[in-house]
């Protein structure tokens, strides 16, 4: 039996690319990087292609996070024959909520200070119901989407639902891995279309359309374990990358909702499998260290980056702002992650004696 390594580079690469795409999408929504192509050079068609790619980039980034989450959860259970699901769920919640609450507290406080700075009096930024549901991470299910403080909080509502259903999916993986993968693909496609027709927001946080992405990461652990002792086939990665590009081109040309759903639910799995197929564990590059660090802080960056973009409202949107923005996101994410790493062991001892 070949032992699986503790650190898997293609998972870190997926998380790193995912957070880069998400941050880029949100920056483009505020700075409109491609406007010059249309306003100055009259490159109308190129402008629309790049804008569409920027829009899709955020969805691809989230999809990569979902797939990487499914892979990581399953990979951590490889040597456990009978997991204690209660303890497992508590551990996962401990990994999510403290950092989430830290970011919420920071932006909640800044919002109050900002109201005093601008108006001369304190304003409570959100209502009591939104406050309670946001602290629980379920505000999206009560109509608040991401909330008024940080729109990305909708992801908490999604990932918590996937965590709750994970034990059932794990059982499917053990009993009928391939059949479950196919059935969940069609289930995600069938449920995603009516939800998308309702609204993109509803489609994004309801967990059912994302079951295929999540389970794909779980299934790849099954695939990965069986092929640890065999040589990888690079053409597998080329095929999955080509398939992703083909789906994007068809989606761009036809612009149909069912193709949007198809692109969203397959982008993460296809790119994740591409990274797996092309990874060379015996080759070390200096940039691998940077990728590993970005992956480590990816969730912190995800939670902190968007409200910090709004600082550009105090300044004129310009490249100069970006020079301050990226170091600021890095420092805040590092500090947030550092604080949580210090208090997490104490929380675990308290909840898991």
Protein backbone atom coordinates (compact mmCIF):
# COMPACT_ATOMS: atom_id res chain seq x y z
CA UNK A 1 0.00 0.00 0.00
CA UNK A 2 1.30 3.46 -0.97
CA UNK A 3 0.86 6.04 1.77
CA UNK A 4 -0.74 9.29 0.72
CA UNK A 5 1.30 12.44 1.39
CA UNK A 6 0.13 14.85 4.06
CA UNK A 7 0.57 17.87 1.79
CA UNK A 8 -0.96 17.81 -1.68
CA UNK A 9 0.21 20.59 -3.96
CA UNK A 10 -2.61 20.45 -6.53
CA UNK A 11 -5.14 21.11 -3.73
CA UNK A 12 -3.19 24.19 -2.64
CA UNK A 13 -3.00 25.28 -6.27
CA UNK A 14 -6.78 24.98 -6.63
CA UNK A 15 -7.37 27.08 -3.50
CA UNK A 16 -4.84 29.69 -4.62
CA UNK A 17 -6.30 30.01 -8.11
CA UNK A 18 -9.78 30.07 -6.60
CA UNK A 19 -9.12 33.03 -4.31
CA UNK A 20 -7.23 34.92 -7.05
CA UNK A 21 -10.20 34.57 -9.41
CA UNK A 22 -12.69 35.65 -6.74
CA UNK A 23 -10.66 38.73 -5.76
CA UNK A 24 -10.13 39.63 -9.43
CA UNK A 25 -13.87 39.43 -10.13
CA UNK A 26 -14.74 41.72 -7.22
CA UNK A 27 -12.00 44.18 -8.16
CA UNK A 28 -13.25 44.28 -11.75
CA UNK A 29 -16.80 44.97 -10.52
CA UNK A 30 -15.46 48.10 -8.81
CA UNK A 31 -12.70 49.23 -11.17
CA UNK A 32 -13.94 48.00 -14.58
CA UNK A 33 -10.49 47.11 -15.88
CA UNK A 34 -11.62 46.50 -19.47
CA UNK A 35 -13.56 49.73 -20.04
CA UNK A 36 -10.60 51.29 -21.86
CA UNK A 37 -10.89 48.66 -24.58
CA UNK A 38 -14.41 49.83 -25.30
CA UNK A 39 -14.27 53.55 -24.54
CA UNK A 40 -10.80 54.33 -25.92
CA UNK A 41 -10.02 51.69 -28.52
CA UNK A 42 -13.59 50.76 -29.53
CA UNK A 43 -12.77 47.06 -29.14
CA UNK A 44 -16.38 46.21 -28.44
CA UNK A 45 -16.29 42.46 -29.05
CA UNK A 46 -13.04 41.95 -27.12
CA UNK A 47 -14.46 44.04 -24.28
CA UNK A 48 -17.54 41.84 -23.98
CA UNK A 49 -15.45 38.64 -24.12
CA UNK A 50 -13.15 39.82 -21.32
CA UNK A 51 -16.06 41.10 -19.22
CA UNK A 52 -17.79 37.76 -19.58
CA UNK A 53 -14.59 35.96 -18.60
CA UNK A 54 -14.20 38.21 -15.56
CA UNK A 55 -17.78 37.45 -14.55
CA UNK A 56 -17.25 33.70 -14.94
CA UNK A 57 -13.94 33.87 -13.05
CA UNK A 58 -15.70 34.40 -9.72
CA UNK A 59 -17.97 31.40 -10.27
CA UNK A 60 -14.98 29.26 -11.21
CA UNK A 61 -13.13 30.39 -8.09
CA UNK A 62 -16.03 29.45 -5.81
CA UNK A 63 -16.39 26.12 -7.61
CA UNK A 64 -12.71 25.36 -6.99
CA UNK A 65 -13.22 26.08 -3.29
CA UNK A 66 -16.20 23.70 -3.17
CA UNK A 67 -14.31 20.89 -4.91
CA UNK A 68 -11.21 21.42 -2.74
CA UNK A 69 -13.42 21.33 0.37
CA UNK A 70 -14.97 18.00 -0.66
CA UNK A 71 -11.51 16.59 -1.38
CA UNK A 72 -10.01 17.83 1.89
CA UNK A 73 -12.84 16.52 4.08
CA UNK A 74 -12.69 13.07 2.49
CA UNK A 75 -8.89 12.94 2.46
CA UNK A 76 -8.79 13.61 6.21
CA UNK A 77 -10.88 10.46 6.81
CA UNK A 78 -8.74 8.03 4.80
CA UNK A 79 -7.41 6.21 7.86
CA UNK A 80 -10.66 6.26 9.84
CA UNK A 81 -12.97 3.28 9.46
CA UNK A 82 -15.79 4.53 11.67
CA UNK A 83 -15.72 8.34 12.05
CA UNK A 84 -17.37 10.00 15.01
CA UNK A 85 -19.53 12.41 13.01
CA UNK A 86 -20.46 14.57 15.99
CA UNK A 87 -16.83 15.28 16.85
CA UNK A 88 -16.02 15.64 13.17
CA UNK A 89 -18.70 18.30 12.68
CA UNK A 90 -17.63 20.22 15.79
CA UNK A 91 -14.03 20.30 14.54
CA UNK A 92 -15.12 21.64 11.16
CA UNK A 93 -17.31 24.30 12.76
CA UNK A 94 -14.38 25.37 14.95
CA UNK A 95 -12.30 25.84 11.80
CA UNK A 96 -14.91 28.11 10.20
CA UNK A 97 -16.78 30.14 12.80
CA UNK A 98 -14.02 31.84 14.84
CA UNK A 99 -12.41 33.44 11.76
CA UNK A 100 -15.84 34.28 10.38
CA UNK A 101 -16.88 35.93 13.67
CA UNK A 102 -13.58 37.82 13.81
CA UNK A 103 -14.13 39.29 10.34
CA UNK A 104 -17.77 40.07 11.15
CA UNK A 105 -16.80 41.83 14.39
CA UNK A 106 -14.17 43.88 12.59
CA UNK A 107 -16.46 45.09 9.82
CA UNK A 108 -19.41 45.57 12.18
CA UNK A 109 -17.26 47.86 14.34
CA UNK A 110 -15.88 49.71 11.31
CA UNK A 111 -19.41 50.29 10.03
CA UNK A 112 -20.44 51.91 13.31
CA UNK A 113 -17.29 54.07 13.37
CA UNK A 114 -17.89 55.05 9.74
CA UNK A 115 -21.46 56.17 10.50
CA UNK A 116 -20.16 58.37 13.34
CA UNK A 117 -17.37 59.74 11.14
CA UNK A 118 -19.71 60.67 8.29
CA UNK A 119 -22.88 61.69 10.13
CA UNK A 120 -21.74 62.59 13.63
CA UNK A 121 -23.85 59.94 15.33
CA UNK A 122 -23.79 56.16 15.70
CA UNK A 123 -25.96 53.99 13.50
CA UNK A 124 -26.56 50.29 14.11
CA UNK A 125 -25.62 48.83 10.68
CA UNK A 126 -28.04 45.86 10.61
CA UNK A 127 -31.27 44.74 12.26
CA UNK A 128 -31.55 42.24 15.09
CA UNK A 129 -32.82 39.38 12.88
CA UNK A 130 -30.04 39.86 10.35
CA UNK A 131 -27.47 40.07 13.15
CA UNK A 132 -28.56 36.75 14.69
CA UNK A 133 -28.85 34.87 11.40
CA UNK A 134 -25.51 36.25 10.18
CA UNK A 135 -23.71 35.18 13.35
CA UNK A 136 -25.15 31.69 12.79
CA UNK A 137 -24.02 31.77 9.15
CA UNK A 138 -27.51 31.13 7.79
CA UNK A 139 -28.56 34.66 6.80
CA UNK A 140 -28.84 33.71 3.12
CA UNK A 141 -31.74 31.38 3.95
CA UNK A 142 -33.60 34.30 5.55
CA UNK A 143 -33.38 36.55 2.50
CA UNK A 144 -30.28 38.55 3.46
CA UNK A 145 -27.95 36.94 0.87
CA UNK A 146 -24.48 37.90 2.15
CA UNK A 147 -25.74 40.64 4.42
CA UNK A 148 -25.09 44.36 4.38
CA UNK A 149 -21.61 44.16 5.87
CA UNK A 150 -19.89 41.58 3.67
CA UNK A 151 -21.64 40.07 0.61
CA UNK A 152 -19.39 36.99 0.56
CA UNK A 153 -20.97 35.66 3.77
CA UNK A 154 -23.52 33.79 1.63
CA UNK A 155 -20.80 31.16 1.15
CA UNK A 156 -21.10 30.24 4.84
CA UNK A 157 -24.75 29.27 4.30
CA UNK A 158 -23.71 27.02 1.41
CA UNK A 159 -20.69 25.34 2.96
CA UNK A 160 -22.47 24.64 6.26
CA UNK A 161 -25.24 22.80 4.40
CA UNK A 162 -22.62 20.76 2.51
CA UNK A 163 -20.90 19.90 5.79
CA UNK A 164 -24.18 18.66 7.24
CA UNK A 165 -24.88 16.40 4.27
CA UNK A 166 -21.28 15.18 4.00
CA UNK A 167 -21.74 11.99 6.11
CA UNK A 168 -24.50 10.83 3.75
CA UNK A 169 -22.35 11.59 0.67
CA UNK A 170 -19.43 9.77 2.32
CA UNK A 171 -21.63 6.69 2.65
CA UNK A 172 -22.50 6.93 -1.05
CA UNK A 173 -18.81 7.21 -1.88
CA UNK A 174 -18.11 3.99 0.00
CA UNK A 175 -20.96 2.04 -1.56
CA UNK A 176 -21.63 3.40 -5.09
CA UNK A 177 -18.97 5.99 -5.98
CA UNK A 178 -19.36 6.10 -9.79
CA UNK A 179 -23.13 5.76 -9.89
CA UNK A 180 -23.48 8.49 -7.24
CA UNK A 181 -21.24 10.81 -9.26
CA UNK A 182 -23.43 10.45 -12.36
CA UNK A 183 -26.71 10.80 -10.46
CA UNK A 184 -25.53 13.88 -8.58
CA UNK A 185 -24.43 15.48 -11.86
CA UNK A 186 -27.93 15.24 -13.29
CA UNK A 187 -29.50 16.26 -9.97
CA UNK A 188 -27.32 19.40 -9.83
CA UNK A 189 -28.10 20.23 -13.45
CA UNK A 190 -31.84 19.64 -13.05
CA UNK A 191 -32.19 21.69 -9.85
CA UNK A 192 -29.75 24.40 -10.87
CA UNK A 193 -31.72 25.61 -13.89
CA UNK A 194 -34.99 26.53 -12.12
CA UNK A 195 -33.05 28.13 -9.26
CA UNK A 196 -30.97 30.18 -11.71
CA UNK A 197 -34.14 31.20 -13.55
CA UNK A 198 -35.36 32.53 -10.20
CA UNK A 199 -32.15 34.42 -9.41
CA UNK A 200 -28.39 33.94 -9.43
CA UNK A 201 -28.27 34.61 -5.69
CA UNK A 202 -30.62 31.74 -4.87
CA UNK A 203 -28.76 29.41 -7.23
CA UNK A 204 -25.45 30.16 -5.56
CA UNK A 205 -26.28 29.50 -1.91
CA UNK A 206 -28.77 26.59 -2.20
CA UNK A 207 -26.61 23.48 -1.77
CA UNK A 208 -28.40 21.01 -4.07
CA UNK A 209 -27.05 22.40 -7.40
CA UNK A 210 -23.54 22.25 -5.92
CA UNK A 211 -23.64 18.64 -4.80
CA UNK A 212 -21.84 17.49 -7.96
CA UNK A 213 -18.95 19.91 -7.38
CA UNK A 214 -18.63 18.91 -3.74
CA UNK A 215 -18.92 15.18 -4.42
CA UNK A 216 -16.45 15.45 -7.33
CA UNK A 217 -13.79 16.48 -4.81
CA UNK A 218 -14.74 13.52 -2.64
CA UNK A 219 -14.65 11.16 -5.64
CA UNK A 220 -11.22 12.43 -6.67
CA UNK A 221 -9.86 11.13 -3.35
CA UNK A 222 -11.16 7.72 -4.39
CA UNK A 223 -9.45 8.16 -7.79
CA UNK A 224 -6.28 9.60 -6.22
CA UNK A 225 -5.82 6.71 -3.77
CA UNK A 226 -6.15 4.08 -6.47
CA UNK A 227 -3.53 5.76 -8.64
CA UNK A 228 -0.86 6.72 -6.13
CA UNK A 229 1.37 3.89 -7.27
CA UNK A 230 0.70 4.36 -11.00
CA UNK A 231 2.02 6.91 -13.46
CA UNK A 232 -0.30 9.82 -14.17
CA UNK A 233 -1.53 10.33 -17.71
CA UNK A 234 -1.00 13.96 -18.73
CA UNK A 235 -3.55 13.66 -21.52
CA UNK A 236 -6.25 13.31 -18.85
CA UNK A 237 -5.49 16.85 -17.72
CA UNK A 238 -5.35 18.12 -21.30
CA UNK A 239 -8.74 16.57 -22.02
CA UNK A 240 -10.39 18.04 -18.90
CA UNK A 241 -8.91 21.49 -19.60
CA UNK A 242 -10.06 21.28 -23.24
CA UNK A 243 -13.54 20.28 -22.11
CA UNK A 244 -13.72 23.26 -19.75
CA UNK A 245 -12.67 25.65 -22.54
CA UNK A 246 -15.20 24.09 -24.93
CA UNK A 247 -18.04 24.50 -22.40
CA UNK A 248 -17.05 28.14 -21.83
CA UNK A 249 -16.99 28.90 -25.59
CA UNK A 250 -20.42 27.31 -26.11
CA UNK A 251 -21.74 29.15 -23.07
CA UNK A 252 -20.43 32.48 -24.41
CA UNK A 253 -21.82 31.95 -27.90
CA UNK A 254 -25.29 30.71 -26.91
CA UNK A 255 -25.78 32.53 -23.57
CA UNK A 256 -28.42 30.10 -22.29
CA UNK A 257 -29.15 29.59 -18.60
CA UNK A 258 -28.71 25.83 -18.75
CA UNK A 259 -25.19 26.39 -20.11
CA UNK A 260 -24.48 28.76 -17.21
CA UNK A 261 -25.45 25.99 -14.79
CA UNK A 262 -23.36 23.46 -16.72
CA UNK A 263 -20.34 25.76 -16.67
CA UNK A 264 -20.64 26.55 -12.96
CA UNK A 265 -21.02 22.95 -11.77
CA UNK A 266 -18.27 21.53 -14.02
CA UNK A 267 -15.62 24.28 -13.96
CA UNK A 268 -14.19 23.39 -10.55
CA UNK A 269 -14.11 19.61 -11.06
CA UNK A 270 -12.52 19.88 -14.53
CA UNK A 271 -9.80 22.33 -13.47
CA UNK A 272 -9.17 20.45 -10.23
CA UNK A 273 -8.66 17.24 -12.20
CA UNK A 274 -6.36 19.12 -14.58
CA UNK A 275 -4.15 20.21 -11.67
CA UNK A 276 -4.08 16.66 -10.35
CA UNK A 277 -3.09 15.20 -13.73
CA UNK A 278 -0.25 17.64 -14.29
CA UNK A 279 1.19 17.69 -10.79
CA UNK A 280 4.71 16.35 -10.42
CA UNK A 281 5.36 15.63 -6.72
CA UNK A 282 9.09 15.09 -7.35
CA UNK A 283 9.60 18.54 -8.80
CA UNK A 284 10.12 21.46 -6.42
CA UNK A 285 9.82 25.06 -7.49
CA UNK A 286 10.38 28.20 -5.46
CA UNK A 287 6.85 29.37 -6.27
CA UNK A 288 5.34 26.29 -4.63
CA UNK A 289 6.06 27.83 -1.23
CA UNK A 290 4.11 30.94 -2.24
CA UNK A 291 1.20 28.81 -3.46
CA UNK A 292 1.12 26.87 -0.17
CA UNK A 293 1.04 30.10 1.84
CA UNK A 294 -1.70 31.63 -0.30
CA UNK A 295 -3.72 28.43 0.10
CA UNK A 296 -3.25 28.54 3.87
CA UNK A 297 -4.65 32.07 4.07
CA UNK A 298 -7.20 31.71 1.27
CA UNK A 299 -10.24 31.52 3.55
CA UNK A 300 -9.07 34.57 5.51
CA UNK A 301 -8.54 36.49 2.26
CA UNK A 302 -12.01 35.40 1.14
CA UNK A 303 -13.59 36.82 4.30
CA UNK A 304 -11.66 40.10 4.42
CA UNK A 305 -11.01 41.15 0.82
CA UNK A 306 -14.38 42.50 -0.34
CA UNK A 307 -15.15 45.09 2.38
CA UNK A 308 -11.57 46.34 2.05
CA UNK A 309 -12.23 47.04 -1.64
CA UNK A 310 -14.83 49.58 -0.51
CA UNK A 311 -12.02 51.72 0.87
CA UNK A 312 -11.60 52.99 -2.67
CA UNK A 313 -14.73 55.06 -2.08
CA UNK A 314 -12.65 57.23 0.23
CA UNK A 315 -10.08 57.66 -2.52
CA UNK A 316 -10.32 57.95 -6.27
CA UNK A 317 -10.31 54.50 -7.93
CA UNK A 318 -6.84 54.24 -9.41
CA UNK A 319 -3.88 51.87 -9.70
CA UNK A 320 -2.40 53.67 -6.69
CA UNK A 321 -5.19 52.26 -4.51
CA UNK A 322 -4.29 48.73 -5.63
CA UNK A 323 -0.72 49.27 -4.42
CA UNK A 324 -2.13 49.74 -0.92
CA UNK A 325 -4.97 47.25 -1.27
CA UNK A 326 -3.04 44.02 -1.82
CA UNK A 327 -0.59 44.50 1.09
CA UNK A 328 -3.52 45.54 3.30
CA UNK A 329 -5.50 42.38 2.47
CA UNK A 330 -2.38 40.30 3.09
CA UNK A 331 -1.65 41.90 6.47
CA UNK A 332 -5.26 41.72 7.70
CA UNK A 333 -5.64 38.10 6.54
CA UNK A 334 -2.37 37.09 8.17
CA UNK A 335 -3.27 38.76 11.46
CA UNK A 336 -6.77 37.26 11.46
CA UNK A 337 -5.46 33.79 10.72
CA UNK A 338 -2.69 34.17 13.33
CA UNK A 339 -5.19 35.12 16.07
CA UNK A 340 -7.46 32.20 15.23
CA UNK A 341 -4.56 29.73 15.21
CA UNK A 342 -3.73 30.81 18.77
CA UNK A 343 -7.24 30.46 20.17
CA UNK A 344 -8.46 27.40 18.21
CA UNK A 345 -6.66 24.81 20.42
CA UNK A 346 -8.34 26.34 23.49
CA UNK A 347 -11.74 26.18 21.83
CA UNK A 348 -11.15 22.56 20.89
CA UNK A 349 -10.23 21.65 24.48
CA UNK A 350 -13.36 23.40 25.70
CA UNK A 351 -15.76 21.74 23.24
CA UNK A 352 -13.95 18.41 22.80
CA UNK A 353 -12.57 17.47 26.24
